[in-house]
Structures are given as C-alpha cells and as structure tokens.
Amino acid sequence: MNAERLDATFAALADPTRRAILARLAEGEASVMELAEPFAMSQPAISKHLKVLERAGLISRGRDAQRRPCRLEARPVRDVERWIERYRRHWEESLAALDEVLEVLKREERARARRKEKRR
C-alpha cells in the first residue's frame, strides 16, 4: 500500500461532494453533466472534484464518442479497507482484553458481595 496513494484517497474522500459523486458512480457510469445535475455548482467546479477523484485513482474516464463517462474504480477503496482492517483487528483485540478484565472484576465483586452477605 503506497502511502501517497492512501493520502490522496483519504483527501479525496474527505469532501462530501466527492463522496456523493462516488455514491452516484457506484450505481453505474455517468457523464460530467449527469454528475453535476444534483449539485448547486458549476460544471467546472464538478470537473475540479472529478480531477481530485481521478488523481486518487477512485474514478476513471472513458471515451464513448463525444461522451467521456466516469466510472468508479475499486482498487483505492480496497487499499483503504485493508489499511482500516489492521486497526479494526487491533481494537477488537484490545476490547476483548478489556472484556476479560471486566469479567474478572465482576466475578470478584460478586464474590465480595456473597462473603459480605454470609457475615450478616
């Protein structure tokens, strides 16, 4: 996993407009005009967002006569998923260890309560 590519992917994903564009492209390829439709911004502004997504490798643009349809590219998302997976495993292991400690503390507390009850 290339650190620069991962940085570019996270930077691209940080913007809500770009995430919305990716969500739209998850449904299938679309032209720049189709992608610009739901946003209150100019086509050049959408094009700037598309360039960021393209540099991050999250989208690619094809050629279909006069159209240049955009399509979602999965590889950078898989790279992010693998990066996150390492941390997910770490936190699951840490939480499992915490669960064990809490269970020991609960058993000790129950044992203290039983001893206290017997003394009464």
PDB file of N, CA and C in Angstrom:
ATOM      1  N   MET A   1       0.838  -1.177   0.000  1.00  0.00           N
ATOM      2  CA  MET A   1       0.000   0.000   0.000  1.00  0.00           C
ATOM      3  C   MET A   1       0.886   1.245   0.000  1.00  0.00           C
ATOM      4  N   ASN A   2       0.789   2.035  -1.029  1.00  0.00           N
ATOM      5  CA  ASN A   2       1.565   3.248  -1.185  1.00  0.00           C
ATOM      6  C   ASN A   2       0.984   4.351  -0.294  1.00  0.00           C
ATOM      7  N   ALA A   3       1.834   4.939   0.552  1.00  0.00           N
ATOM      8  CA  ALA A   3       1.364   5.968   1.497  1.00  0.00           C
ATOM      9  C   ALA A   3       0.827   7.191   0.762  1.00  0.00           C
ATOM     10  N   GLU A   4       1.457   7.590  -0.332  1.00  0.00           N
ATOM     11  CA  GLU A   4       0.977   8.755  -1.080  1.00  0.00           C
ATOM     12  C   GLU A   4      -0.409   8.503  -1.668  1.00  0.00           C
ATOM     13  N   ARG A   5      -0.602   7.292  -2.183  1.00  0.00           N
ATOM     14  CA  ARG A   5      -1.908   6.956  -2.768  1.00  0.00           C
ATOM     15  C   ARG A   5      -2.974   6.914  -1.675  1.00  0.00           C
ATOM     16  N   LEU A   6      -2.617   6.368  -0.526  1.00  0.00           N
ATOM     17  CA  LEU A   6      -3.557   6.320   0.590  1.00  0.00           C
ATOM     18  C   LEU A   6      -3.912   7.736   1.051  1.00  0.00           C
ATOM     19  N   ASP A   7      -2.913   8.621   1.135  1.00  0.00           N
ATOM     20  CA  ASP A   7      -3.169  10.023   1.493  1.00  0.00           C
ATOM     21  C   ASP A   7      -4.111  10.677   0.482  1.00  0.00           C
ATOM     22  N   ALA A   8      -3.853  10.439  -0.802  1.00  0.00           N
ATOM     23  CA  ALA A   8      -4.686  11.028  -1.855  1.00  0.00           C
ATOM     24  C   ALA A   8      -6.118  10.500  -1.761  1.00  0.00           C
ATOM     25  N   THR A   9      -6.256   9.229  -1.450  1.00  0.00           N
ATOM     26  CA  THR A   9      -7.591   8.631  -1.331  1.00  0.00           C
ATOM     27  C   THR A   9      -8.344   9.248  -0.161  1.00  0.00           C
ATOM     28  N   PHE A  10      -7.696   9.327   1.001  1.00  0.00           N
ATOM     29  CA  PHE A  10      -8.364   9.931   2.159  1.00  0.00           C
ATOM     30  C   PHE A  10      -8.692  11.396   1.912  1.00  0.00           C
ATOM     31  N   ALA A  11      -7.791  12.125   1.271  1.00  0.00           N
ATOM     32  CA  ALA A  11      -8.058  13.535   0.965  1.00  0.00           C
ATOM     33  C   ALA A  11      -9.260  13.662   0.033  1.00  0.00           C
ATOM     34  N   ALA A  12      -9.343  12.791  -0.955  1.00  0.00           N
ATOM     35  CA  ALA A  12     -10.477  12.824  -1.882  1.00  0.00           C
ATOM     36  C   ALA A  12     -11.773  12.477  -1.167  1.00  0.00           C
ATOM     37  N   LEU A  13     -11.718  11.504  -0.274  1.00  0.00           N
ATOM     38  CA  LEU A  13     -12.917  11.080   0.445  1.00  0.00           C
ATOM     39  C   LEU A  13     -13.359  12.070   1.521  1.00  0.00           C
ATOM     40  N   ALA A  14     -12.496  13.008   1.866  1.00  0.00           N
ATOM     41  CA  ALA A  14     -12.804  13.960   2.936  1.00  0.00           C
ATOM     42  C   ALA A  14     -13.902  14.946   2.541  1.00  0.00           C
ATOM     43  N   ASP A  15     -14.137  15.103   1.254  1.00  0.00           N
ATOM     44  CA  ASP A  15     -15.113  16.086   0.796  1.00  0.00           C
ATOM     45  C   ASP A  15     -16.479  15.441   0.550  1.00  0.00           C
ATOM     46  N   PRO A  16     -17.555  16.004   1.120  1.00  0.00           N
ATOM     47  CA  PRO A  16     -18.883  15.397   0.957  1.00  0.00           C
ATOM     48  C   PRO A  16     -19.370  15.378  -0.494  1.00  0.00           C
ATOM     49  N   THR A  17     -19.006  16.373  -1.282  1.00  0.00           N
ATOM     50  CA  THR A  17     -19.412  16.378  -2.693  1.00  0.00           C
ATOM     51  C   THR A  17     -18.770  15.213  -3.428  1.00  0.00           C
ATOM     52  N   ARG A  18     -17.491  14.996  -3.169  1.00  0.00           N
ATOM     53  CA  ARG A  18     -16.802  13.886  -3.835  1.00  0.00           C
ATOM     54  C   ARG A  18     -17.366  12.538  -3.382  1.00  0.00           C
ATOM     55  N   ARG A  19     -17.707  12.429  -2.095  1.00  0.00           N
ATOM     56  CA  ARG A  19     -18.329  11.175  -1.634  1.00  0.00           C
ATOM     57  C   ARG A  19     -19.680  10.963  -2.320  1.00  0.00           C
ATOM     58  N   ALA A  20     -20.436  12.034  -2.525  1.00  0.00           N
ATOM     59  CA  ALA A  20     -21.730  11.924  -3.207  1.00  0.00           C
ATOM     60  C   ALA A  20     -21.521  11.519  -4.669  1.00  0.00           C
ATOM     61  N   ILE A  21     -20.501  12.050  -5.287  1.00  0.00           N
ATOM     62  CA  ILE A  21     -20.186  11.657  -6.672  1.00  0.00           C
ATOM     63  C   ILE A  21     -19.850  10.176  -6.723  1.00  0.00           C
ATOM     64  N   LEU A  22     -19.047   9.702  -5.785  1.00  0.00           N
ATOM     65  CA  LEU A  22     -18.700   8.281  -5.750  1.00  0.00           C
ATOM     66  C   LEU A  22     -19.934   7.417  -5.511  1.00  0.00           C
ATOM     67  N   ALA A  23     -20.828   7.878  -4.639  1.00  0.00           N
ATOM     68  CA  ALA A  23     -22.063   7.127  -4.386  1.00  0.00           C
ATOM     69  C   ALA A  23     -22.878   7.023  -5.669  1.00  0.00           C
ATOM     70  N   ARG A  24     -22.937   8.104  -6.421  1.00  0.00           N
ATOM     71  CA  ARG A  24     -23.665   8.071  -7.703  1.00  0.00           C
ATOM     72  C   ARG A  24     -22.987   7.106  -8.671  1.00  0.00           C
ATOM     73  N   LEU A  25     -21.657   7.133  -8.741  1.00  0.00           N
ATOM     74  CA  LEU A  25     -20.938   6.256  -9.666  1.00  0.00           C
ATOM     75  C   LEU A  25     -21.011   4.789  -9.250  1.00  0.00           C
ATOM     76  N   ALA A  26     -21.306   4.530  -7.980  1.00  0.00           N
ATOM     77  CA  ALA A  26     -21.487   3.150  -7.531  1.00  0.00           C
ATOM     78  C   ALA A  26     -22.717   2.526  -8.206  1.00  0.00           C
ATOM     79  N   GLU A  27     -23.628   3.367  -8.681  1.00  0.00           N
ATOM     80  CA  GLU A  27     -24.817   2.889  -9.390  1.00  0.00           C
ATOM     81  C   GLU A  27     -24.540   2.629 -10.865  1.00  0.00           C
ATOM     82  N   GLY A  28     -23.428   3.149 -11.379  1.00  0.00           N
ATOM     83  CA  GLY A  28     -23.077   2.979 -12.789  1.00  0.00           C
ATOM     84  C   GLY A  28     -22.394   4.221 -13.319  1.00  0.00           C
ATOM     85  N   GLU A  29     -21.775   4.084 -14.475  1.00  0.00           N
ATOM     86  CA  GLU A  29     -21.034   5.223 -15.015  1.00  0.00           C
ATOM     87  C   GLU A  29     -21.973   6.370 -15.377  1.00  0.00           C
ATOM     88  N   ALA A  30     -21.382   7.574 -15.422  1.00  0.00           N
ATOM     89  CA  ALA A  30     -22.173   8.775 -15.695  1.00  0.00           C
ATOM     90  C   ALA A  30     -21.276   9.832 -16.334  1.00  0.00           C
ATOM     91  N   SER A  31     -21.904  10.724 -17.082  1.00  0.00           N
ATOM     92  CA  SER A  31     -21.170  11.836 -17.689  1.00  0.00           C
ATOM     93  C   SER A  31     -20.965  12.937 -16.646  1.00  0.00           C
ATOM     94  N   VAL A  32     -20.105  13.889 -16.983  1.00  0.00           N
ATOM     95  CA  VAL A  32     -19.867  15.025 -16.087  1.00  0.00           C
ATOM     96  C   VAL A  32     -21.168  15.794 -15.868  1.00  0.00           C
ATOM     97  N   MET A  33     -21.934  15.987 -16.924  1.00  0.00           N
ATOM     98  CA  MET A  33     -23.202  16.720 -16.796  1.00  0.00           C
ATOM     99  C   MET A  33     -24.176  15.967 -15.892  1.00  0.00           C
ATOM    100  N   GLU A  34     -24.219  14.647 -16.013  1.00  0.00           N
ATOM    101  CA  GLU A  34     -25.098  13.848 -15.154  1.00  0.00           C
ATOM    102  C   GLU A  34     -24.644  13.942 -13.701  1.00  0.00           C
ATOM    103  N   LEU A  35     -23.342  13.964 -13.496  1.00  0.00           N
ATOM    104  CA  LEU A  35     -22.819  14.059 -12.130  1.00  0.00           C
ATOM    105  C   LEU A  35     -23.060  15.438 -11.536  1.00  0.00           C
ATOM    106  N   ALA A  36     -23.042  16.475 -12.378  1.00  0.00           N
ATOM    107  CA  ALA A  36     -23.231  17.850 -11.905  1.00  0.00           C
ATOM    108  C   ALA A  36     -24.687  18.147 -11.557  1.00  0.00           C
ATOM    109  N   GLU A  37     -25.608  17.400 -12.163  1.00  0.00           N
ATOM    110  CA  GLU A  37     -27.049  17.665 -12.036  1.00  0.00           C
ATOM    111  C   GLU A  37     -27.555  17.915 -10.611  1.00  0.00           C
ATOM    112  N   PRO A  38     -27.262  17.049  -9.637  1.00  0.00           N
ATOM    113  CA  PRO A  38     -27.862  17.251  -8.306  1.00  0.00           C
ATOM    114  C   PRO A  38     -27.196  18.332  -7.456  1.00  0.00           C
ATOM    115  N   PHE A  39     -26.126  18.936  -7.957  1.00  0.00           N
ATOM    116  CA  PHE A  39     -25.378  19.900  -7.149  1.00  0.00           C
ATOM    117  C   PHE A  39     -25.636  21.325  -7.603  1.00  0.00           C
ATOM    118  N   ALA A  40     -25.642  22.232  -6.645  1.00  0.00           N
ATOM    119  CA  ALA A  40     -25.796  23.656  -6.946  1.00  0.00           C
ATOM    120  C   ALA A  40     -24.410  24.252  -7.174  1.00  0.00           C
ATOM    121  N   MET A  41     -23.723  23.727  -8.186  1.00  0.00           N
ATOM    122  CA  MET A  41     -22.402  24.260  -8.528  1.00  0.00           C
ATOM    123  C   MET A  41     -22.197  24.119 -10.025  1.00  0.00           C
ATOM    124  N   SER A  42     -21.227  24.835 -10.509  1.00  0.00           N
ATOM    125  CA  SER A  42     -20.976  24.857 -11.948  1.00  0.00           C
ATOM    126  C   SER A  42     -20.319  23.562 -12.417  1.00  0.00           C
ATOM    127  N   GLN A  43     -20.386  23.341 -13.711  1.00  0.00           N
ATOM    128  CA  GLN A  43     -19.741  22.172 -14.302  1.00  0.00           C
ATOM    129  C   GLN A  43     -18.225  22.232 -14.095  1.00  0.00           C
ATOM    130  N   PRO A  44     -17.575  23.427 -14.204  1.00  0.00           N
ATOM    131  CA  PRO A  44     -16.143  23.476 -13.916  1.00  0.00           C
ATOM    132  C   PRO A  44     -15.805  23.094 -12.468  1.00  0.00           C
ATOM    133  N   ALA A  45     -16.677  23.446 -11.530  1.00  0.00           N
ATOM    134  CA  ALA A  45     -16.438  23.069 -10.126  1.00  0.00           C
ATOM    135  C   ALA A  45     -16.532  21.553  -9.967  1.00  0.00           C
ATOM    136  N   ILE A  46     -17.509  20.938 -10.623  1.00  0.00           N
ATOM    137  CA  ILE A  46     -17.630  19.476 -10.585  1.00  0.00           C
ATOM    138  C   ILE A  46     -16.391  18.850 -11.234  1.00  0.00           C
ATOM    139  N   SER A  47     -15.941  19.443 -12.330  1.00  0.00           N
ATOM    140  CA  SER A  47     -14.744  18.923 -13.014  1.00  0.00           C
ATOM    141  C   SER A  47     -13.530  18.933 -12.095  1.00  0.00           C
ATOM    142  N   LYS A  48     -13.422  19.958 -11.263  1.00  0.00           N
ATOM    143  CA  LYS A  48     -12.298  20.005 -10.306  1.00  0.00           C
ATOM    144  C   LYS A  48     -12.400  18.850  -9.309  1.00  0.00           C
ATOM    145  N   HIS A  49     -13.604  18.587  -8.842  1.00  0.00           N
ATOM    146  CA  HIS A  49     -13.798  17.449  -7.935  1.00  0.00           C
ATOM    147  C   HIS A  49     -13.441  16.139  -8.638  1.00  0.00           C
ATOM    148  N   LEU A  50     -13.841  16.018  -9.897  1.00  0.00           N
ATOM    149  CA  LEU A  50     -13.540  14.799 -10.652  1.00  0.00           C
ATOM    150  C   LEU A  50     -12.035  14.621 -10.841  1.00  0.00           C
ATOM    151  N   LYS A  51     -11.317  15.718 -11.038  1.00  0.00           N
ATOM    152  CA  LYS A  51      -9.855  15.625 -11.189  1.00  0.00           C
ATOM    153  C   LYS A  51      -9.213  15.102  -9.898  1.00  0.00           C
ATOM    154  N   VAL A  52      -9.715  15.565  -8.750  1.00  0.00           N
ATOM    155  CA  VAL A  52      -9.194  15.069  -7.471  1.00  0.00           C
ATOM    156  C   VAL A  52      -9.468  13.575  -7.345  1.00  0.00           C
ATOM    157  N   LEU A  53     -10.679  13.163  -7.678  1.00  0.00           N
ATOM    158  CA  LEU A  53     -11.038  11.745  -7.605  1.00  0.00           C
ATOM    159  C   LEU A  53     -10.214  10.920  -8.590  1.00  0.00           C
ATOM    160  N   GLU A  54      -9.965  11.479  -9.756  1.00  0.00           N
ATOM    161  CA  GLU A  54      -9.182  10.766 -10.770  1.00  0.00           C
ATOM    162  C   GLU A  54      -7.716  10.638 -10.341  1.00  0.00           C
ATOM    163  N   ARG A  55      -7.148  11.718  -9.802  1.00  0.00           N
ATOM    164  CA  ARG A  55      -5.754  11.655  -9.314  1.00  0.00           C
ATOM    165  C   ARG A  55      -5.606  10.633  -8.198  1.00  0.00           C
ATOM    166  N   ALA A  56      -6.643  10.476  -7.380  1.00  0.00           N
ATOM    167  CA  ALA A  56      -6.614   9.498  -6.294  1.00  0.00           C
ATOM    168  C   ALA A  56      -6.868   8.078  -6.811  1.00  0.00           C
ATOM    169  N   GLY A  57      -7.229   7.965  -8.081  1.00  0.00           N
ATOM    170  CA  GLY A  57      -7.488   6.653  -8.666  1.00  0.00           C
ATOM    171  C   GLY A  57      -8.869   6.109  -8.343  1.00  0.00           C
ATOM    172  N   LEU A  58      -9.720   6.945  -7.762  1.00  0.00           N
ATOM    173  CA  LEU A  58     -11.063   6.497  -7.377  1.00  0.00           C
ATOM    174  C   LEU A  58     -12.030   6.430  -8.547  1.00  0.00           C
ATOM    175  N   ILE A  59     -11.736   7.187  -9.602  1.00  0.00           N
ATOM    176  CA  ILE A  59     -12.560   7.121 -10.809  1.00  0.00           C
ATOM    177  C   ILE A  59     -11.644   7.063 -12.020  1.00  0.00           C
ATOM    178  N   SER A  60     -12.213   6.625 -13.113  1.00  0.00           N
ATOM    179  CA  SER A  60     -11.525   6.699 -14.406  1.00  0.00           C
ATOM    180  C   SER A  60     -12.523   7.259 -15.403  1.00  0.00           C
ATOM    181  N   ARG A  61     -11.996   7.810 -16.487  1.00  0.00           N
ATOM    182  CA  ARG A  61     -12.862   8.368 -17.519  1.00  0.00           C
ATOM    183  C   ARG A  61     -12.614   7.614 -18.814  1.00  0.00           C
ATOM    184  N   GLY A  62     -13.695   7.215 -19.439  1.00  0.00           N
ATOM    185  CA  GLY A  62     -13.594   6.511 -20.705  1.00  0.00           C
ATOM    186  C   GLY A  62     -13.866   7.448 -21.857  1.00  0.00           C
ATOM    187  N   ARG A  63     -13.960   6.860 -23.021  1.00  0.00           N
ATOM    188  CA  ARG A  63     -14.318   7.628 -24.209  1.00  0.00           C
ATOM    189  C   ARG A  63     -15.417   6.883 -24.939  1.00  0.00           C
ATOM    190  N   ASP A  64     -16.522   7.576 -25.141  1.00  0.00           N
ATOM    191  CA  ASP A  64     -17.673   6.991 -25.827  1.00  0.00           C
ATOM    192  C   ASP A  64     -18.180   8.057 -26.795  1.00  0.00           C
ATOM    193  N   ALA A  65     -17.625   8.083 -27.994  1.00  0.00           N
ATOM    194  CA  ALA A  65     -17.921   9.114 -28.994  1.00  0.00           C
ATOM    195  C   ALA A  65     -17.610  10.492 -28.397  1.00  0.00           C
ATOM    196  N   GLN A  66     -18.626  11.333 -28.230  1.00  0.00           N
ATOM    197  CA  GLN A  66     -18.414  12.680 -27.675  1.00  0.00           C
ATOM    198  C   GLN A  66     -18.410  12.660 -26.151  1.00  0.00           C
ATOM    199  N   ARG A  67     -18.886  11.595 -25.577  1.00  0.00           N
ATOM    200  CA  ARG A  67     -19.018  11.476 -24.118  1.00  0.00           C
ATOM    201  C   ARG A  67     -17.737  10.968 -23.494  1.00  0.00           C
ATOM    202  N   ARG A  68     -17.456  11.416 -22.292  1.00  0.00           N
ATOM    203  CA  ARG A  68     -16.350  10.863 -21.504  1.00  0.00           C
ATOM    204  C   ARG A  68     -16.930  10.382 -20.188  1.00  0.00           C
ATOM    205  N   PRO A  69     -17.563   9.209 -20.194  1.00  0.00           N
ATOM    206  CA  PRO A  69     -18.213   8.731 -18.969  1.00  0.00           C
ATOM    207  C   PRO A  69     -17.199   8.440 -17.862  1.00  0.00           C
ATOM    208  N   CYS A  70     -17.611   8.717 -16.641  1.00  0.00           N
ATOM    209  CA  CYS A  70     -16.788   8.434 -15.460  1.00  0.00           C
ATOM    210  C   CYS A  70     -17.273   7.123 -14.861  1.00  0.00           C
ATOM    211  N   ARG A  71     -16.335   6.383 -14.309  1.00  0.00           N
ATOM    212  CA  ARG A  71     -16.714   5.132 -13.633  1.00  0.00           C
ATOM    213  C   ARG A  71     -15.895   5.001 -12.356  1.00  0.00           C
ATOM    214  N   LEU A  72     -16.486   4.332 -11.409  1.00  0.00           N
ATOM    215  CA  LEU A  72     -15.859   4.081 -10.113  1.00  0.00           C
ATOM    216  C   LEU A  72     -14.761   3.038 -10.263  1.00  0.00           C
ATOM    217  N   GLU A  73     -13.646   3.244  -9.588  1.00  0.00           N
ATOM    218  CA  GLU A  73     -12.543   2.290  -9.558  1.00  0.00           C
ATOM    219  C   GLU A  73     -12.422   1.753  -8.130  1.00  0.00           C
ATOM    220  N   ALA A  74     -12.388   0.459  -7.990  1.00  0.00           N
ATOM    221  CA  ALA A  74     -12.453  -0.168  -6.666  1.00  0.00           C
ATOM    222  C   ALA A  74     -11.111  -0.270  -5.946  1.00  0.00           C
ATOM    223  N   ARG A  75     -10.000  -0.285  -6.662  1.00  0.00           N
ATOM    224  CA  ARG A  75      -8.717  -0.573  -6.017  1.00  0.00           C
ATOM    225  C   ARG A  75      -8.378   0.352  -4.845  1.00  0.00           C
ATOM    226  N   PRO A  76      -8.478   1.676  -4.999  1.00  0.00           N
ATOM    227  CA  PRO A  76      -8.142   2.535  -3.850  1.00  0.00           C
ATOM    228  C   PRO A  76      -9.029   2.278  -2.634  1.00  0.00           C
ATOM    229  N   VAL A  77     -10.293   1.939  -2.878  1.00  0.00           N
ATOM    230  CA  VAL A  77     -11.209   1.651  -1.766  1.00  0.00           C
ATOM    231  C   VAL A  77     -10.772   0.362  -1.068  1.00  0.00           C
ATOM    232  N   ARG A  78     -10.334  -0.615  -1.848  1.00  0.00           N
ATOM    233  CA  ARG A  78      -9.823  -1.863  -1.243  1.00  0.00           C
ATOM    234  C   ARG A  78      -8.565  -1.586  -0.430  1.00  0.00           C
ATOM    235  N   ASP A  79      -7.698  -0.681  -0.926  1.00  0.00           N
ATOM    236  CA  ASP A  79      -6.490  -0.326  -0.166  1.00  0.00           C
ATOM    237  C   ASP A  79      -6.856   0.302   1.176  1.00  0.00           C
ATOM    238  N   VAL A  80      -7.842   1.200   1.175  1.00  0.00           N
ATOM    239  CA  VAL A  80      -8.307   1.831   2.418  1.00  0.00           C
ATOM    240  C   VAL A  80      -8.894   0.771   3.339  1.00  0.00           C
ATOM    241  N   GLU A  81      -9.666  -0.130   2.773  1.00  0.00           N
ATOM    242  CA  GLU A  81     -10.273  -1.197   3.573  1.00  0.00           C
ATOM    243  C   GLU A  81      -9.188  -2.047   4.252  1.00  0.00           C
ATOM    244  N   ARG A  82      -8.130  -2.398   3.514  1.00  0.00           N
ATOM    245  CA  ARG A  82      -7.035  -3.181   4.112  1.00  0.00           C
ATOM    246  C   ARG A  82      -6.335  -2.388   5.213  1.00  0.00           C
ATOM    247  N   TRP A  83      -6.144  -1.089   4.985  1.00  0.00           N
ATOM    248  CA  TRP A  83      -5.489  -0.242   5.984  1.00  0.00           C
ATOM    249  C   TRP A  83      -6.336  -0.181   7.250  1.00  0.00           C
ATOM    250  N   ILE A  84      -7.634   0.011   7.091  1.00  0.00           N
ATOM    251  CA  ILE A  84      -8.542   0.094   8.238  1.00  0.00           C
ATOM    252  C   ILE A  84      -8.629  -1.253   8.952  1.00  0.00           C
ATOM    253  N   GLU A  85      -8.576  -2.339   8.196  1.00  0.00           N
ATOM    254  CA  GLU A  85      -8.690  -3.679   8.766  1.00  0.00           C
ATOM    255  C   GLU A  85      -7.629  -3.935   9.837  1.00  0.00           C
ATOM    256  N   ARG A  86      -6.402  -3.460   9.591  1.00  0.00           N
ATOM    257  CA  ARG A  86      -5.348  -3.638  10.600  1.00  0.00           C
ATOM    258  C   ARG A  86      -5.750  -3.008  11.920  1.00  0.00           C
ATOM    259  N   TYR A  87      -6.314  -1.830  11.888  1.00  0.00           N
ATOM    260  CA  TYR A  87      -6.708  -1.126  13.102  1.00  0.00           C
ATOM    261  C   TYR A  87      -7.951  -1.748  13.723  1.00  0.00           C
ATOM    262  N   ARG A  88      -8.856  -2.234  12.890  1.00  0.00           N
ATOM    263  CA  ARG A  88     -10.049  -2.898  13.409  1.00  0.00           C
ATOM    264  C   ARG A  88      -9.644  -4.112  14.237  1.00  0.00           C
ATOM    265  N   ARG A  89      -8.719  -4.919  13.708  1.00  0.00           N
ATOM    266  CA  ARG A  89      -8.263  -6.092  14.457  1.00  0.00           C
ATOM    267  C   ARG A  89      -7.619  -5.679  15.775  1.00  0.00           C
ATOM    268  N   HIS A  90      -6.808  -4.612  15.739  1.00  0.00           N
ATOM    269  CA  HIS A  90      -6.163  -4.124  16.958  1.00  0.00           C
ATOM    270  C   HIS A  90      -7.213  -3.750  18.002  1.00  0.00           C
ATOM    271  N   TRP A  91      -8.232  -2.983  17.590  1.00  0.00           N
ATOM    272  CA  TRP A  91      -9.255  -2.548  18.539  1.00  0.00           C
ATOM    273  C   TRP A  91     -10.106  -3.705  19.016  1.00  0.00           C
ATOM    274  N   GLU A  92     -10.404  -4.668  18.160  1.00  0.00           N
ATOM    275  CA  GLU A  92     -11.162  -5.836  18.603  1.00  0.00           C
ATOM    276  C   GLU A  92     -10.374  -6.619  19.650  1.00  0.00           C
ATOM    277  N   GLU A  93      -9.057  -6.780  19.427  1.00  0.00           N
ATOM    278  CA  GLU A  93      -8.233  -7.487  20.408  1.00  0.00           C
ATOM    279  C   GLU A  93      -8.179  -6.714  21.724  1.00  0.00           C
ATOM    280  N   SER A  94      -8.035  -5.401  21.622  1.00  0.00           N
ATOM    281  CA  SER A  94      -7.988  -4.568  22.830  1.00  0.00           C
ATOM    282  C   SER A  94      -9.303  -4.633  23.591  1.00  0.00           C
ATOM    283  N   LEU A  95     -10.409  -4.572  22.877  1.00  0.00           N
ATOM    284  CA  LEU A  95     -11.717  -4.637  23.531  1.00  0.00           C
ATOM    285  C   LEU A  95     -11.969  -6.017  24.129  1.00  0.00           C
ATOM    286  N   ALA A  96     -11.492  -7.065  23.472  1.00  0.00           N
ATOM    287  CA  ALA A  96     -11.644  -8.417  24.022  1.00  0.00           C
ATOM    288  C   ALA A  96     -10.867  -8.523  25.331  1.00  0.00           C
ATOM    289  N   ALA A  97      -9.660  -7.953  25.367  1.00  0.00           N
ATOM    290  CA  ALA A  97      -8.865  -7.968  26.605  1.00  0.00           C
ATOM    291  C   ALA A  97      -9.578  -7.182  27.702  1.00  0.00           C
ATOM    292  N   LEU A  98     -10.156  -6.049  27.340  1.00  0.00           N
ATOM    293  CA  LEU A  98     -10.905  -5.257  28.312  1.00  0.00           C
ATOM    294  C   LEU A  98     -12.115  -6.039  28.826  1.00  0.00           C
ATOM    295  N   ASP A  99     -12.816  -6.736  27.937  1.00  0.00           N
ATOM    296  CA  ASP A  99     -13.947  -7.575  28.355  1.00  0.00           C
ATOM    297  C   ASP A  99     -13.517  -8.609  29.387  1.00  0.00           C
ATOM    298  N   GLU A 100     -12.356  -9.219  29.168  1.00  0.00           N
ATOM    299  CA  GLU A 100     -11.847 -10.217  30.108  1.00  0.00           C
ATOM    300  C   GLU A 100     -11.584  -9.596  31.480  1.00  0.00           C
ATOM    301  N   VAL A 101     -10.960  -8.423  31.497  1.00  0.00           N
ATOM    302  CA  VAL A 101     -10.677  -7.733  32.759  1.00  0.00           C
ATOM    303  C   VAL A 101     -11.984  -7.388  33.475  1.00  0.00           C
ATOM    304  N   LEU A 102     -12.954  -6.882  32.724  1.00  0.00           N
ATOM    305  CA  LEU A 102     -14.239  -6.529  33.331  1.00  0.00           C
ATOM    306  C   LEU A 102     -14.951  -7.754  33.885  1.00  0.00           C
ATOM    307  N   GLU A 103     -14.847  -8.879  33.204  1.00  0.00           N
ATOM    308  CA  GLU A 103     -15.474 -10.109  33.685  1.00  0.00           C
ATOM    309  C   GLU A 103     -14.834 -10.570  34.992  1.00  0.00           C
ATOM    310  N   VAL A 104     -13.499 -10.470  35.076  1.00  0.00           N
ATOM    311  CA  VAL A 104     -12.797 -10.824  36.322  1.00  0.00           C
ATOM    312  C   VAL A 104     -13.251  -9.907  37.454  1.00  0.00           C
ATOM    313  N   LEU A 105     -13.346  -8.610  37.173  1.00  0.00           N
ATOM    314  CA  LEU A 105     -13.786  -7.658  38.193  1.00  0.00           C
ATOM    315  C   LEU A 105     -15.215  -7.949  38.648  1.00  0.00           C
ATOM    316  N   LYS A 106     -16.091  -8.308  37.722  1.00  0.00           N
ATOM    317  CA  LYS A 106     -17.472  -8.655  38.084  1.00  0.00           C
ATOM    318  C   LYS A 106     -17.505  -9.887  38.987  1.00  0.00           C
ATOM    319  N   ARG A 107     -16.720 -10.904  38.632  1.00  0.00           N
ATOM    320  CA  ARG A 107     -16.697 -12.123  39.466  1.00  0.00           C
ATOM    321  C   ARG A 107     -16.181 -11.798  40.862  1.00  0.00           C
ATOM    322  N   GLU A 108     -15.134 -10.981  40.940  1.00  0.00           N
ATOM    323  CA  GLU A 108     -14.592 -10.601  42.240  1.00  0.00           C
ATOM    324  C   GLU A 108     -15.624  -9.823  43.045  1.00  0.00           C
ATOM    325  N   GLU A 109     -16.346  -8.929  42.397  1.00  0.00           N
ATOM    326  CA  GLU A 109     -17.374  -8.140  43.075  1.00  0.00           C
ATOM    327  C   GLU A 109     -18.498  -9.046  43.592  1.00  0.00           C
ATOM    328  N   ARG A 110     -18.910 -10.015  42.773  1.00  0.00           N
ATOM    329  CA  ARG A 110     -19.957 -10.953  43.210  1.00  0.00           C
ATOM    330  C   ARG A 110     -19.464 -11.781  44.400  1.00  0.00           C
ATOM    331  N   ALA A 111     -18.204 -12.205  44.353  1.00  0.00           N
ATOM    332  CA  ALA A 111     -17.653 -12.993  45.462  1.00  0.00           C
ATOM    333  C   ALA A 111     -17.606 -12.146  46.734  1.00  0.00           C
ATOM    334  N   ARG A 112     -17.218 -10.886  46.637  1.00  0.00           N
ATOM    335  CA  ARG A 112     -17.199  -9.993  47.807  1.00  0.00           C
ATOM    336  C   ARG A 112     -18.604  -9.818  48.361  1.00  0.00           C
ATOM    337  N   ALA A 113     -19.567  -9.652  47.467  1.00  0.00           N
ATOM    338  CA  ALA A 113     -20.956  -9.462  47.899  1.00  0.00           C
ATOM    339  C   ALA A 113     -21.460 -10.711  48.621  1.00  0.00           C
ATOM    340  N   ARG A 114     -21.095 -11.911  48.114  1.00  0.00           N
ATOM    341  CA  ARG A 114     -21.526 -13.155  48.774  1.00  0.00           C
ATOM    342  C   ARG A 114     -20.886 -13.274  50.157  1.00  0.00           C
ATOM    343  N   ARG A 115     -19.594 -12.944  50.273  1.00  0.00           N
ATOM    344  CA  ARG A 115     -18.919 -13.016  51.579  1.00  0.00           C
ATOM    345  C   ARG A 115     -19.546 -12.033  52.560  1.00  0.00           C
ATOM    346  N   LYS A 116     -19.860 -10.858  52.084  1.00  0.00           N
ATOM    347  CA  LYS A 116     -20.474  -9.844  52.919  1.00  0.00           C
ATOM    348  C   LYS A 116     -21.849 -10.318  53.384  1.00  0.00           C
ATOM    349  N   GLU A 117     -22.603 -10.940  52.504  1.00  0.00           N
ATOM    350  CA  GLU A 117     -23.936 -11.452  52.808  1.00  0.00           C
ATOM    351  C   GLU A 117     -23.854 -12.564  53.867  1.00  0.00           C
ATOM    352  N   LYS A 118     -22.835 -13.411  53.758  1.00  0.00           N
ATOM    353  CA  LYS A 118     -22.684 -14.517  54.723  1.00  0.00           C
ATOM    354  C   LYS A 118     -22.375 -13.972  56.114  1.00  0.00           C
ATOM    355  N   ARG A 119     -21.661 -12.878  56.215  1.00  0.00           N
ATOM    356  CA  ARG A 119     -21.310 -12.290  57.507  1.00  0.00           C
ATOM    357  C   ARG A 119     -22.494 -11.706  58.228  1.00  0.00           C
ATOM    358  N   ARG A 120     -23.538 -11.416  57.551  1.00  0.00           N
ATOM    359  CA  ARG A 120     -24.718 -10.800  58.168  1.00  0.00           C
ATOM    360  C   ARG A 120     -25.491 -11.754  58.947  1.00  0.00           C
TER     361      ARG A 120
END
